[in-house]
Amino acid sequence: HNDRVNALAVAGTLVASGSNDAIVGVWELANAVGPDSPPLALLAGHSDAIISLDFLPIKTLLLASGSLDATIRIWNPANGGSCLRLIYGHINHVTAITAFADEHGRIRLASASSDATVRLWDLDNDNDDPDEITM
C-alpha cells in the first residue's frame, strides 16, 4: 500500500487489507515471508479509501469491500482480482460491512454508513434493493 491501512479481513490462509490508497491487497499467508512479498491480488476500482472488508462465508475466496466512495464491491481475488458486483445504495461513506449466511443458507451482507442507515443485502439475489434497518 502507498497509504494508511484501515481494514483487515482473514479467511483461512488469506489476509486482505484495505487502505486510503483505494486498493485492497490480498496475500496468501504461507507465501508472505517479508514486507516485499508479492500479493495474490491487488484489487482496484474504488475511488476513495477502503474502510471495511469481510470475506463471504461459504464462498471463502470472495471478498466484500466498503469505501468512502459510498459503494460496496464484491471481488474474486483468485480470478485476477475481478470485481463481480458493484453495490450502490448508501448516499454517504460505507463505514462497516459484515457478511453472513442467514438461517436459509443465503449469503447476506449488512452495511453501515455515515448516512445514518444500516442496510441488509441479499448477495444470492441480483436485485440491489436492500432492506433498510432503522435503529
C-alpha atoms as a PDB file:
ATOM      1  CA  HIS A   1       0.000   0.000   0.000  1.00  0.00           C
ATOM      2  CA  ASN A   2       1.006   3.605  -0.523  1.00  0.00           C
ATOM      3  CA  ASP A   3      -1.064   4.996   2.352  1.00  0.00           C
ATOM      4  CA  ARG A   4      -2.580   4.143   5.735  1.00  0.00           C
ATOM      5  CA  VAL A   5      -4.204   0.711   6.100  1.00  0.00           C
ATOM      6  CA  ASN A   6      -7.735   0.966   7.540  1.00  0.00           C
ATOM      7  CA  ALA A   7      -9.209  -2.532   7.345  1.00  0.00           C
ATOM      8  CA  LEU A   8      -8.239  -6.201   7.616  1.00  0.00           C
ATOM      9  CA  ALA A   9     -10.055  -9.462   6.972  1.00  0.00           C
ATOM     10  CA  VAL A  10      -8.786 -13.026   7.360  1.00  0.00           C
ATOM     11  CA  ALA A  11     -10.197 -16.264   5.960  1.00  0.00           C
ATOM     12  CA  GLY A  12      -8.180 -19.437   6.374  1.00  0.00           C
ATOM     13  CA  THR A  13      -4.760 -18.703   4.915  1.00  0.00           C
ATOM     14  CA  LEU A  14      -5.786 -15.459   3.178  1.00  0.00           C
ATOM     15  CA  VAL A  15      -5.449 -11.965   4.599  1.00  0.00           C
ATOM     16  CA  ALA A  16      -6.878  -8.864   2.931  1.00  0.00           C
ATOM     17  CA  SER A  17      -6.066  -5.241   3.710  1.00  0.00           C
ATOM     18  CA  GLY A  18      -7.840  -2.052   2.650  1.00  0.00           C
ATOM     19  CA  SER A  19      -6.147   1.314   2.508  1.00  0.00           C
ATOM     20  CA  ASN A  20      -6.514   5.043   1.958  1.00  0.00           C
ATOM     21  CA  ASP A  21      -4.927   4.389  -1.453  1.00  0.00           C
ATOM     22  CA  ALA A  22      -8.308   2.843  -2.512  1.00  0.00           C
ATOM     23  CA  ILE A  23      -6.644  -0.541  -3.077  1.00  0.00           C
ATOM     24  CA  VAL A  24      -7.445  -3.888  -1.492  1.00  0.00           C
ATOM     25  CA  GLY A  25      -4.441  -6.186  -1.190  1.00  0.00           C
ATOM     26  CA  VAL A  26      -4.840  -9.944  -0.722  1.00  0.00           C
ATOM     27  CA  TRP A  27      -1.990 -12.170   0.471  1.00  0.00           C
ATOM     28  CA  GLU A  28      -1.611 -15.912   0.926  1.00  0.00           C
ATOM     29  CA  LEU A  29      -0.106 -16.191   4.430  1.00  0.00           C
ATOM     30  CA  ALA A  30       2.045 -19.189   3.516  1.00  0.00           C
ATOM     31  CA  ASN A  31       3.764 -17.091   0.828  1.00  0.00           C
ATOM     32  CA  ALA A  32       4.118 -13.905   2.901  1.00  0.00           C
ATOM     33  CA  VAL A  33       7.729 -14.053   4.039  1.00  0.00           C
ATOM     34  CA  GLY A  34       8.556 -10.378   4.378  1.00  0.00           C
ATOM     35  CA  PRO A  35       7.482  -6.821   3.642  1.00  0.00           C
ATOM     36  CA  ASP A  36       8.223  -7.239  -0.080  1.00  0.00           C
ATOM     37  CA  SER A  37       6.157 -10.415  -0.523  1.00  0.00           C
ATOM     38  CA  PRO A  38       4.037 -10.131  -3.660  1.00  0.00           C
ATOM     39  CA  PRO A  39       0.274 -10.135  -3.110  1.00  0.00           C
ATOM     40  CA  LEU A  40      -2.046 -12.752  -4.519  1.00  0.00           C
ATOM     41  CA  ALA A  41      -4.099  -9.836  -5.900  1.00  0.00           C
ATOM     42  CA  LEU A  42      -4.356  -6.060  -5.832  1.00  0.00           C
ATOM     43  CA  LEU A  43      -7.986  -5.037  -6.226  1.00  0.00           C
ATOM     44  CA  ALA A  44      -8.556  -1.600  -7.736  1.00  0.00           C
ATOM     45  CA  GLY A  45     -11.880   0.025  -8.500  1.00  0.00           C
ATOM     46  CA  HIS A  46     -12.938   2.145  -5.548  1.00  0.00           C
ATOM     47  CA  SER A  47     -12.408   5.885  -5.964  1.00  0.00           C
ATOM     48  CA  ASP A  48     -11.756   6.590  -2.266  1.00  0.00           C
ATOM     49  CA  ALA A  49     -10.373   4.918   0.863  1.00  0.00           C
ATOM     50  CA  ILE A  50     -11.329   1.363   1.817  1.00  0.00           C
ATOM     51  CA  ILE A  51     -12.768   1.396   5.351  1.00  0.00           C
ATOM     52  CA  SER A  52     -14.177  -2.115   5.771  1.00  0.00           C
ATOM     53  CA  LEU A  53     -13.579  -5.650   4.475  1.00  0.00           C
ATOM     54  CA  ASP A  54     -15.065  -9.081   5.010  1.00  0.00           C
ATOM     55  CA  PHE A  55     -14.693 -12.446   3.311  1.00  0.00           C
ATOM     56  CA  LEU A  56     -18.016 -14.013   2.351  1.00  0.00           C
ATOM     57  CA  PRO A  57     -18.956 -17.160   4.291  1.00  0.00           C
ATOM     58  CA  ILE A  58     -19.144 -20.403   2.326  1.00  0.00           C
ATOM     59  CA  LYS A  59     -17.638 -18.667  -0.711  1.00  0.00           C
ATOM     60  CA  THR A  60     -14.373 -18.050   1.119  1.00  0.00           C
ATOM     61  CA  LEU A  61     -12.494 -16.752  -1.907  1.00  0.00           C
ATOM     62  CA  LEU A  62     -14.948 -13.897  -2.391  1.00  0.00           C
ATOM     63  CA  LEU A  63     -14.346 -10.625  -0.570  1.00  0.00           C
ATOM     64  CA  ALA A  64     -16.542  -7.592   0.121  1.00  0.00           C
ATOM     65  CA  SER A  65     -15.120  -4.069   0.486  1.00  0.00           C
ATOM     66  CA  GLY A  66     -16.786  -0.897   1.730  1.00  0.00           C
ATOM     67  CA  SER A  67     -15.419   2.528   0.855  1.00  0.00           C
ATOM     68  CA  LEU A  68     -15.665   6.243   1.491  1.00  0.00           C
ATOM     69  CA  ASP A  69     -16.903   6.419  -2.133  1.00  0.00           C
ATOM     70  CA  ALA A  70     -20.291   5.141  -0.781  1.00  0.00           C
ATOM     71  CA  THR A  71     -20.077   1.812  -2.648  1.00  0.00           C
ATOM     72  CA  ILE A  72     -19.594  -1.836  -1.798  1.00  0.00           C
ATOM     73  CA  ARG A  73     -17.714  -4.145  -4.140  1.00  0.00           C
ATOM     74  CA  ILE A  74     -17.656  -7.941  -4.262  1.00  0.00           C
ATOM     75  CA  TRP A  75     -14.326  -9.300  -5.512  1.00  0.00           C
ATOM     76  CA  ASN A  76     -12.884 -12.610  -6.630  1.00  0.00           C
ATOM     77  CA  PRO A  77      -9.196 -12.295  -5.684  1.00  0.00           C
ATOM     78  CA  ALA A  78      -8.374 -15.702  -7.181  1.00  0.00           C
ATOM     79  CA  ASN A  79      -9.732 -14.711 -10.597  1.00  0.00           C
ATOM     80  CA  GLY A  80      -7.230 -11.973 -11.395  1.00  0.00           C
ATOM     81  CA  GLY A  81      -8.869  -9.663  -8.909  1.00  0.00           C
ATOM     82  CA  SER A  82     -12.085  -9.140 -10.829  1.00  0.00           C
ATOM     83  CA  CYS A  83     -14.955  -7.107  -9.380  1.00  0.00           C
ATOM     84  CA  LEU A  84     -18.016  -9.340  -9.563  1.00  0.00           C
ATOM     85  CA  ARG A  85     -20.551  -6.856  -8.272  1.00  0.00           C
ATOM     86  CA  LEU A  86     -20.789  -3.141  -7.541  1.00  0.00           C
ATOM     87  CA  ILE A  87     -23.443  -2.231  -4.973  1.00  0.00           C
ATOM     88  CA  TYR A  88     -24.902   1.257  -4.689  1.00  0.00           C
ATOM     89  CA  GLY A  89     -27.434   2.231  -2.059  1.00  0.00           C
ATOM     90  CA  HIS A  90     -25.787   4.402   0.560  1.00  0.00           C
ATOM     91  CA  ILE A  91     -25.564   8.142  -0.033  1.00  0.00           C
ATOM     92  CA  ASN A  92     -22.503   8.616   2.162  1.00  0.00           C
ATOM     93  CA  HIS A  93     -19.399   6.695   3.304  1.00  0.00           C
ATOM     94  CA  VAL A  94     -19.735   2.958   3.884  1.00  0.00           C
ATOM     95  CA  THR A  95     -18.173   2.619   7.324  1.00  0.00           C
ATOM     96  CA  ALA A  96     -18.720  -1.053   8.187  1.00  0.00           C
ATOM     97  CA  ILE A  97     -19.703  -4.298   6.496  1.00  0.00           C
ATOM     98  CA  THR A  98     -20.151  -7.861   7.681  1.00  0.00           C
ATOM     99  CA  ALA A  99     -21.092 -10.921   5.653  1.00  0.00           C
ATOM    100  CA  PHE A 100     -23.017 -13.904   6.982  1.00  0.00           C
ATOM    101  CA  ALA A 101     -25.185 -16.835   5.974  1.00  0.00           C
ATOM    102  CA  ASP A 102     -28.803 -16.485   7.097  1.00  0.00           C
ATOM    103  CA  GLU A 103     -30.974 -19.273   8.517  1.00  0.00           C
ATOM    104  CA  HIS A 104     -31.748 -20.454   4.943  1.00  0.00           C
ATOM    105  CA  GLY A 105     -28.082 -20.537   3.913  1.00  0.00           C
ATOM    106  CA  ARG A 106     -28.356 -17.407   1.745  1.00  0.00           C
ATOM    107  CA  ILE A 107     -25.346 -15.104   1.721  1.00  0.00           C
ATOM    108  CA  ARG A 108     -26.223 -11.709   3.213  1.00  0.00           C
ATOM    109  CA  LEU A 109     -24.234  -8.538   3.780  1.00  0.00           C
ATOM    110  CA  ALA A 110     -25.006  -5.892   6.381  1.00  0.00           C
ATOM    111  CA  SER A 111     -23.571  -2.419   5.787  1.00  0.00           C
ATOM    112  CA  ALA A 112     -23.471   0.741   7.875  1.00  0.00           C
ATOM    113  CA  SER A 113     -22.927   4.247   6.593  1.00  0.00           C
ATOM    114  CA  SER A 114     -22.333   7.843   7.561  1.00  0.00           C
ATOM    115  CA  ASP A 115     -25.783   8.453   6.036  1.00  0.00           C
ATOM    116  CA  ALA A 116     -27.173   7.085   9.351  1.00  0.00           C
ATOM    117  CA  THR A 117     -28.521   3.858   7.813  1.00  0.00           C
ATOM    118  CA  VAL A 118     -27.870   0.166   8.152  1.00  0.00           C
ATOM    119  CA  ARG A 119     -28.747  -1.855   5.057  1.00  0.00           C
ATOM    120  CA  LEU A 120     -29.115  -5.585   4.562  1.00  0.00           C
ATOM    121  CA  TRP A 121     -28.222  -7.007   1.121  1.00  0.00           C
ATOM    122  CA  ASP A 122     -29.104 -10.446  -0.274  1.00  0.00           C
ATOM    123  CA  LEU A 123     -25.979 -11.424  -2.245  1.00  0.00           C
ATOM    124  CA  ASP A 124     -27.657 -14.531  -3.668  1.00  0.00           C
ATOM    125  CA  ASN A 125     -30.065 -12.195  -5.478  1.00  0.00           C
ATOM    126  CA  ASP A 126     -29.022  -9.843  -8.290  1.00  0.00           C
ATOM    127  CA  ASN A 127     -31.511  -7.241  -7.055  1.00  0.00           C
ATOM    128  CA  ASP A 128     -29.677  -4.389  -5.348  1.00  0.00           C
ATOM    129  CA  ASP A 129     -32.708  -3.208  -3.355  1.00  0.00           C
ATOM    130  CA  PRO A 130     -31.631  -3.646   0.268  1.00  0.00           C
ATOM    131  CA  ASP A 131     -33.705  -3.972   3.387  1.00  0.00           C
ATOM    132  CA  GLU A 132     -33.142  -0.850   5.460  1.00  0.00           C
ATOM    133  CA  ILE A 133     -32.879  -1.346   9.192  1.00  0.00           C
ATOM    134  CA  THR A 134     -33.970   1.554  11.355  1.00  0.00           C
ATOM    135  CA  MET A 135     -32.051   1.880  14.584  1.00  0.00           C
END
